[in-house]
Amino acid sequence: MADSGSPEYKRACQEETYYSRLRIQWTVPNMIDLTVSDSYQIHLDDRRKSILELTSDDCRSFCWKDCIIYGNVPVKPFAAYDMFRAVYREWYPYRHMGQDISLGSFFAQYLQLATPKPLSDVIQFHNMLCEHITRLQSSIKRPSTLHPGQPDYREPGFQEDPPYRLRPTFPVVFIVVDSDDWKNAGVLVVCKNRSTAAALGFSNEISALSASTPQGTSCMFRVALETVMYHIVAQDHARMSTRRESGEFFHEEFGGGDPQYTDK
């Protein structure tokens, strides 16, 4: 067991706190309303805003995520928690150990559509959101007062105000859950264009969507959630050296093969 004063022990404690906070965010997710195309609404902590009304503080939670997962089918809290567990288990052995955990590093930000909408609307929302966050990126700072549930551990060597950035994959690929049986049906992967899809290693396109972007026409694939995660995380070579270690929240060990249950 690591010494209680060691960086490893502190990080383990903060990861436990972080897991609890993420679990709440996924079971009670931020909602988006795509009813009016020129005024898409997003609900953040009981505040309803259009994309252009989002501040730097509002955009912080999207930084250092690999992508967004959009729920385009009604998802009950226990089902959302089940999906969160699946994502966390797959992400944990590939997490970026050099990334200050207080920056909110995780695989995905989960957003739930208030009512199911065509994928063309989701694509338009995603492009508008990413463009807005990119404009505000340089002004996104660490909160002056940390939320009680937010990790405050600083990795050695990190500056007091480290940069908040969108990961390269965030604007160009996202996931849509369009079935409550996502474990068997898989999820939809939407890539900005075919060049992006090829770079990520996705094949067997099932539909070319009508929504056009300056970079081309978005394309869609149906893939198992764990497979999608691997393809996206594989773009960050620093995270592809999987480790085998204990997942304290599941009493399992992850990485290097199938999860192995411990005796805890």
Protein backbone atom coordinates (compact mmCIF):
# COMPACT_ATOMS: atom_id res chain seq x y z
CA MET A 1 0.00 0.00 0.00
CA ALA A 2 1.30 3.44 -0.92
CA ASP A 3 2.35 5.82 1.85
CA SER A 4 -0.45 8.21 2.82
CA GLY A 5 1.74 11.18 1.95
CA SER A 6 2.87 9.93 -1.43
CA PRO A 7 1.63 11.34 -4.76
CA GLU A 8 0.32 7.87 -5.66
CA TYR A 9 -1.85 7.70 -2.53
CA LYS A 10 -3.14 11.24 -3.01
CA ARG A 11 -4.03 10.55 -6.62
CA ALA A 12 -5.84 7.33 -5.65
CA CYS A 13 -7.93 9.28 -3.12
CA GLN A 14 -8.73 11.98 -5.66
CA GLU A 15 -9.65 9.39 -8.28
CA GLU A 16 -12.18 7.94 -5.86
CA THR A 17 -13.72 11.39 -5.39
CA TYR A 18 -13.61 11.98 -9.13
CA TYR A 19 -15.37 8.69 -9.84
CA SER A 20 -18.23 9.68 -7.53
CA ARG A 21 -18.60 13.07 -9.21
CA LEU A 22 -18.60 11.57 -12.70
CA ARG A 23 -21.21 9.02 -11.66
CA ILE A 24 -23.57 11.80 -10.61
CA GLN A 25 -22.95 13.74 -13.83
CA TRP A 26 -23.86 10.72 -15.92
CA THR A 27 -26.95 9.64 -13.96
CA VAL A 28 -28.25 13.23 -13.85
CA PRO A 29 -26.81 14.51 -17.15
CA ASN A 30 -26.96 17.94 -18.70
CA MET A 31 -29.88 18.15 -21.12
CA ILE A 32 -29.92 19.73 -24.58
CA ASP A 33 -32.96 21.00 -26.44
CA LEU A 34 -32.64 20.99 -30.24
CA THR A 35 -36.21 22.13 -30.96
CA VAL A 36 -35.22 25.50 -32.46
CA SER A 37 -32.24 25.21 -34.83
CA ASP A 38 -31.03 28.81 -34.47
CA SER A 39 -31.24 28.72 -30.67
CA TYR A 40 -30.15 25.31 -29.42
CA GLN A 41 -30.45 25.19 -25.64
CA ILE A 42 -28.21 23.44 -23.14
CA HIS A 43 -29.07 22.98 -19.47
CA LEU A 44 -26.07 23.37 -17.16
CA ASP A 45 -26.64 23.05 -13.43
CA ASP A 46 -30.25 24.26 -13.63
CA ARG A 47 -29.27 27.10 -15.98
CA ARG A 48 -30.68 27.15 -19.51
CA LYS A 49 -28.46 28.80 -22.12
CA SER A 50 -27.99 28.93 -25.85
CA ILE A 51 -24.60 27.85 -27.19
CA LEU A 52 -23.48 31.44 -27.74
CA GLU A 53 -24.37 32.29 -24.14
CA LEU A 54 -21.97 29.70 -22.73
CA THR A 55 -19.12 31.30 -20.78
CA SER A 56 -15.56 30.13 -20.32
CA ASP A 57 -16.56 28.57 -17.01
CA ASP A 58 -19.43 26.72 -18.71
CA CYS A 59 -17.05 25.31 -21.33
CA ARG A 60 -14.49 23.99 -18.85
CA SER A 61 -16.19 20.62 -18.41
CA PHE A 62 -15.78 19.82 -22.13
CA CYS A 63 -12.00 20.16 -22.02
CA TRP A 64 -9.71 17.14 -21.88
CA LYS A 65 -12.46 14.80 -23.03
CA ASP A 66 -11.96 12.57 -26.07
CA CYS A 67 -15.50 13.10 -27.33
CA ILE A 68 -19.16 13.67 -26.47
CA ILE A 69 -21.67 10.87 -26.02
CA TYR A 70 -25.16 12.05 -26.96
CA GLY A 71 -28.15 10.19 -25.57
CA ASN A 72 -30.73 10.28 -28.37
CA VAL A 73 -33.13 7.89 -26.70
CA PRO A 74 -34.74 8.25 -23.25
CA VAL A 75 -32.30 6.80 -20.74
CA LYS A 76 -33.31 6.02 -17.17
CA PRO A 77 -30.79 6.86 -14.42
CA PHE A 78 -29.90 3.23 -13.69
CA ALA A 79 -29.28 2.63 -17.42
CA ALA A 80 -27.10 5.75 -17.63
CA TYR A 81 -25.15 4.50 -14.60
CA ASP A 82 -24.68 1.13 -16.30
CA MET A 83 -23.26 2.89 -19.36
CA PHE A 84 -21.01 5.04 -17.20
CA ARG A 85 -19.58 1.94 -15.53
CA ALA A 86 -18.85 0.40 -18.93
CA VAL A 87 -17.08 3.58 -20.10
CA TYR A 88 -15.13 3.98 -16.87
CA ARG A 89 -13.96 0.36 -16.84
CA GLU A 90 -12.66 0.65 -20.41
CA TRP A 91 -11.08 4.08 -19.83
CA TYR A 92 -9.40 3.40 -16.48
CA PRO A 93 -6.31 1.42 -17.60
CA TYR A 94 -5.79 3.84 -20.50
CA ARG A 95 -6.22 7.07 -18.58
CA HIS A 96 -3.56 9.75 -18.99
CA MET A 97 -1.43 9.45 -15.86
CA GLY A 98 0.45 12.63 -16.77
CA GLN A 99 -2.77 14.63 -16.90
CA ASP A 100 -3.70 16.58 -13.79
CA ILE A 101 -6.94 14.89 -12.75
CA SER A 102 -8.39 18.16 -11.48
CA LEU A 103 -8.63 19.31 -15.11
CA GLY A 104 -11.51 16.88 -15.61
CA SER A 105 -9.73 14.43 -17.90
CA PHE A 106 -12.07 11.61 -18.97
CA PHE A 107 -13.17 9.78 -22.10
CA ALA A 108 -16.45 11.56 -22.71
CA GLN A 109 -18.88 14.26 -21.72
CA TYR A 110 -22.40 12.85 -21.65
CA LEU A 111 -25.30 15.01 -22.92
CA GLN A 112 -28.91 13.84 -23.03
CA LEU A 113 -31.32 15.12 -25.68
CA ALA A 114 -34.60 16.28 -24.16
CA THR A 115 -36.43 14.57 -27.03
CA PRO A 116 -34.97 12.36 -29.78
CA LYS A 117 -33.93 14.30 -32.89
CA PRO A 118 -32.55 13.50 -36.37
CA LEU A 119 -28.79 13.02 -36.50
CA SER A 120 -28.47 16.05 -38.76
CA ASP A 121 -29.61 18.23 -35.82
CA VAL A 122 -27.10 16.60 -33.48
CA ILE A 123 -24.31 17.19 -36.01
CA GLN A 124 -25.23 20.85 -36.34
CA PHE A 125 -25.35 21.27 -32.56
CA HIS A 126 -21.99 19.53 -32.16
CA ASN A 127 -20.27 21.70 -34.77
CA MET A 128 -21.67 24.91 -33.26
CA LEU A 129 -20.67 23.87 -29.74
CA CYS A 130 -17.10 22.96 -30.74
CA GLU A 131 -16.64 26.21 -32.67
CA HIS A 132 -17.81 28.21 -29.65
CA ILE A 133 -15.57 26.35 -27.19
CA THR A 134 -12.59 26.76 -29.51
CA ARG A 135 -13.14 30.53 -29.57
CA LEU A 136 -13.15 30.64 -25.75
CA GLN A 137 -10.34 28.14 -25.16
CA SER A 138 -7.63 30.64 -24.30
CA SER A 139 -9.80 32.21 -21.57
CA ILE A 140 -10.75 28.97 -19.79
CA LYS A 141 -9.04 28.89 -16.39
CA ARG A 142 -9.09 26.73 -13.29
CA PRO A 143 -12.02 27.73 -11.04
CA SER A 144 -11.02 30.10 -8.28
CA THR A 145 -13.11 28.12 -5.80
CA LEU A 146 -13.16 24.38 -6.28
CA HIS A 147 -16.45 22.53 -5.95
CA PRO A 148 -16.39 20.35 -2.80
CA GLY A 149 -16.54 17.25 -5.00
CA GLN A 150 -13.86 18.39 -7.45
CA PRO A 151 -10.40 16.88 -7.08
CA ASP A 152 -7.83 19.42 -5.98
CA TYR A 153 -4.73 17.25 -6.28
CA ARG A 154 -2.03 18.81 -8.46
CA GLU A 155 0.36 16.52 -10.28
CA PRO A 156 4.02 17.44 -9.62
CA GLY A 157 5.31 19.85 -12.25
CA PHE A 158 1.92 21.28 -13.26
CA GLN A 159 1.59 25.06 -13.28
CA GLU A 160 -0.98 26.74 -11.12
CA ASP A 161 -3.09 27.62 -14.17
CA PRO A 162 -2.59 24.76 -16.65
CA PRO A 163 -4.23 25.08 -20.06
CA TYR A 164 -7.72 23.81 -20.73
CA ARG A 165 -7.96 22.41 -24.26
CA LEU A 166 -10.22 20.31 -26.43
CA ARG A 167 -8.55 17.04 -27.31
CA PRO A 168 -7.95 16.68 -31.09
CA THR A 169 -10.66 14.03 -31.47
CA PHE A 170 -13.36 16.05 -29.70
CA PRO A 171 -14.51 18.23 -32.66
CA VAL A 172 -14.27 15.50 -35.31
CA VAL A 173 -15.99 12.45 -33.84
CA PHE A 174 -18.83 11.81 -31.41
CA ILE A 175 -20.99 8.93 -30.22
CA VAL A 176 -24.79 8.68 -30.27
CA VAL A 177 -26.71 6.22 -28.12
CA ASP A 178 -29.88 5.58 -30.12
CA SER A 179 -31.08 2.38 -28.42
CA ASP A 180 -31.68 1.48 -24.80
CA ASP A 181 -30.21 -1.92 -25.74
CA TRP A 182 -26.86 -0.33 -26.62
CA LYS A 183 -24.94 -3.31 -25.22
CA ASN A 184 -26.28 -5.53 -27.99
CA ALA A 185 -27.20 -2.97 -30.65
CA GLY A 186 -23.98 -0.98 -30.39
CA VAL A 187 -23.75 2.79 -30.70
CA LEU A 188 -23.54 5.18 -33.63
CA VAL A 189 -20.20 6.80 -34.36
CA VAL A 190 -20.40 10.02 -36.35
CA CYS A 191 -17.18 11.22 -37.98
CA LYS A 192 -16.78 14.70 -39.45
CA ASN A 193 -15.80 13.25 -42.84
CA ARG A 194 -14.48 10.08 -44.44
CA SER A 195 -10.87 11.17 -44.00
CA THR A 196 -11.45 11.36 -40.24
CA ALA A 197 -13.16 7.97 -40.26
CA ALA A 198 -10.23 6.40 -42.12
CA ALA A 199 -7.71 7.94 -39.70
CA LEU A 200 -9.67 6.55 -36.75
CA GLY A 201 -9.89 3.12 -38.36
CA PHE A 202 -13.66 2.93 -38.86
CA SER A 203 -15.01 1.04 -41.86
CA ASN A 204 -18.32 -0.38 -43.13
CA GLU A 205 -20.10 2.96 -43.31
CA ILE A 206 -23.85 2.50 -42.99
CA SER A 207 -25.05 5.92 -44.11
CA ALA A 208 -23.75 9.18 -45.54
CA LEU A 209 -25.58 11.88 -43.64
CA SER A 210 -27.03 14.88 -45.42
CA ALA A 211 -25.47 17.39 -43.02
CA SER A 212 -22.53 19.01 -44.79
CA THR A 213 -19.61 20.77 -43.12
CA PRO A 214 -16.73 22.79 -44.59
CA GLN A 215 -14.63 19.65 -44.19
CA GLY A 216 -17.02 17.38 -46.09
CA THR A 217 -20.02 15.18 -45.42
CA SER A 218 -20.32 13.45 -42.07
CA CYS A 219 -20.42 9.67 -42.10
CA MET A 220 -21.82 7.15 -39.65
CA PHE A 221 -20.93 3.68 -38.35
CA ARG A 222 -22.48 1.27 -35.87
CA VAL A 223 -19.90 -0.18 -33.51
CA ALA A 224 -19.72 -1.71 -30.02
CA LEU A 225 -19.05 0.96 -27.39
CA GLU A 226 -15.79 -0.61 -26.19
CA THR A 227 -14.52 -0.82 -29.78
CA VAL A 228 -15.30 2.85 -30.38
CA MET A 229 -13.39 3.79 -27.25
CA TYR A 230 -10.33 1.85 -28.34
CA HIS A 231 -10.26 3.48 -31.79
CA ILE A 232 -10.58 6.98 -30.33
CA VAL A 233 -8.16 6.59 -27.41
CA ALA A 234 -5.63 4.97 -29.78
CA GLN A 235 -5.10 8.42 -31.32
CA ASP A 236 -3.26 9.42 -28.13
CA HIS A 237 -0.16 7.23 -28.28
CA ALA A 238 0.89 8.22 -24.76
CA ARG A 239 -2.17 6.39 -23.39
CA MET A 240 -1.90 3.19 -25.41
CA SER A 241 0.48 1.49 -23.00
CA THR A 242 -2.18 -0.25 -20.93
CA ARG A 243 -1.49 -0.99 -17.29
CA ARG A 244 -2.91 -3.75 -15.13
CA GLU A 245 -4.09 -2.28 -11.87
CA SER A 246 -6.86 -2.45 -9.35
CA GLY A 247 -10.08 -0.56 -9.93
CA GLU A 248 -11.00 0.28 -6.36
CA PHE A 249 -14.57 1.23 -7.27
CA PHE A 250 -15.38 -2.15 -8.83
CA HIS A 251 -13.12 -4.44 -6.78
CA GLU A 252 -11.62 -5.61 -10.06
CA GLU A 253 -8.33 -5.38 -11.87
CA PHE A 254 -8.29 -3.81 -15.30
CA GLY A 255 -5.93 -3.77 -18.23
CA GLY A 256 -3.91 -6.46 -19.96
CA GLY A 257 -6.92 -8.62 -20.79
CA ASP A 258 -10.34 -9.29 -19.34
CA PRO A 259 -11.15 -7.83 -15.90
CA GLN A 260 -10.15 -10.13 -13.05
CA TYR A 261 -12.17 -9.99 -9.85
CA THR A 262 -10.25 -9.51 -6.63
CA ASP A 263 -11.10 -10.94 -3.23
CA LYS A 264 -12.17 -7.61 -1.75
